[in-house]
Amino acid sequence: MTDADFDLLDELYFVTPFRILLEKTGLPPAELQAQLGRLLEQGLVRYYWPDPDTELAYEPTSFGALGRDASYLASKEGLLQHNTR
């Protein structure tokens, strides 16, 4: 896990919209979306759209269109890796 991954997971203990993650991380939108995509591929993050109760299965083809409108939450595995670092 990179330092950037660790910092992002630190913000995902609760369901958090993409726009809030932009504010908290200060990352450019494309970079944040790419980092979230990598964490989703690894199973460390879950994402929700159109509301915080509807979890989507990660598919790279749909993530590009929905990623900036979605909300995110660290998965159990993501929290374990974050807390054991």
Protein backbone atom coordinates (compact mmCIF):
# COMPACT_ATOMS: atom_id res chain seq x y z
CA MET A 1 0.00 0.00 0.00
CA THR A 2 1.40 3.37 -1.01
CA ASP A 3 1.33 6.45 1.18
CA ALA A 4 -1.30 7.94 -1.15
CA ASP A 5 -3.46 4.81 -0.76
CA PHE A 6 -3.08 4.99 3.02
CA ASP A 7 -4.09 8.68 3.07
CA LEU A 8 -7.12 8.04 0.88
CA LEU A 9 -8.29 5.07 2.96
CA ASP A 10 -7.96 7.32 6.00
CA GLU A 11 -10.83 9.39 4.55
CA LEU A 12 -13.04 6.38 3.82
CA TYR A 13 -14.13 5.13 7.22
CA PHE A 14 -17.58 6.50 6.35
CA VAL A 15 -19.35 6.75 3.00
CA THR A 16 -17.85 9.84 1.36
CA PRO A 17 -18.84 11.50 -1.94
CA PHE A 18 -16.19 12.06 -4.61
CA ARG A 19 -16.49 15.86 -4.32
CA ILE A 20 -15.67 15.73 -0.61
CA LEU A 21 -12.67 13.49 -1.30
CA LEU A 22 -11.46 16.10 -3.80
CA GLU A 23 -11.59 18.77 -1.09
CA LYS A 24 -9.93 16.62 1.58
CA THR A 25 -7.16 15.15 -0.57
CA GLY A 26 -6.41 18.12 -2.81
CA LEU A 27 -5.78 15.72 -5.70
CA PRO A 28 -6.79 16.59 -9.27
CA PRO A 29 -10.07 14.86 -10.25
CA ALA A 30 -8.49 12.51 -12.81
CA GLU A 31 -5.76 11.42 -10.37
CA LEU A 32 -8.24 10.82 -7.55
CA GLN A 33 -10.51 8.80 -9.84
CA ALA A 34 -7.56 6.71 -11.04
CA GLN A 35 -6.43 6.04 -7.47
CA LEU A 36 -9.96 5.05 -6.43
CA GLY A 37 -10.14 2.73 -9.44
CA ARG A 38 -6.92 0.98 -8.38
CA LEU A 39 -8.25 0.55 -4.83
CA LEU A 40 -11.54 -0.80 -6.19
CA GLU A 41 -9.65 -3.32 -8.36
CA GLN A 42 -7.77 -4.49 -5.27
CA GLY A 43 -11.00 -4.85 -3.28
CA LEU A 44 -9.93 -2.24 -0.73
CA VAL A 45 -12.78 0.18 -1.48
CA ARG A 46 -16.47 -0.10 -2.34
CA TYR A 47 -18.47 2.43 -4.29
CA TYR A 48 -22.08 3.54 -4.22
CA TRP A 49 -24.34 5.23 -6.76
CA PRO A 50 -26.88 6.87 -7.11
CA ASP A 51 -27.28 6.96 -3.33
CA PRO A 52 -25.11 5.88 -0.37
CA ASP A 53 -27.13 2.67 0.06
CA THR A 54 -26.74 1.24 -3.45
CA GLU A 55 -23.41 -0.53 -3.84
CA LEU A 56 -22.15 -1.13 -7.37
CA ALA A 57 -19.93 -3.96 -8.49
CA TYR A 58 -16.70 -2.54 -9.88
CA GLU A 59 -16.53 -2.65 -13.66
CA PRO A 60 -13.84 -0.52 -15.33
CA THR A 61 -16.13 0.33 -18.27
CA SER A 62 -18.88 1.88 -16.14
CA PHE A 63 -16.58 3.32 -13.47
CA GLY A 64 -15.24 5.97 -15.85
CA ALA A 65 -18.73 7.40 -16.33
CA LEU A 66 -19.91 7.08 -12.72
CA GLY A 67 -16.74 7.52 -10.69
CA ARG A 68 -17.07 11.27 -10.12
CA ASP A 69 -20.74 11.03 -9.11
CA ALA A 70 -20.30 8.12 -6.71
CA SER A 71 -19.58 7.83 -2.99
CA TYR A 72 -16.88 5.59 -1.52
CA LEU A 73 -16.21 3.50 1.57
CA ALA A 74 -13.23 1.41 2.62
CA SER A 75 -13.97 -2.32 2.53
CA LYS A 76 -13.26 -4.60 5.47
CA GLU A 77 -10.01 -5.66 3.76
CA GLY A 78 -9.12 -2.03 3.13
CA LEU A 79 -9.66 -1.14 6.79
CA LEU A 80 -7.57 -4.13 7.91
CA GLN A 81 -4.69 -3.12 5.66
CA HIS A 82 -5.00 0.51 6.73
CA ASN A 83 -4.97 -0.37 10.44
CA THR A 84 -2.12 -2.88 10.28
CA ARG A 85 0.30 -0.61 8.45
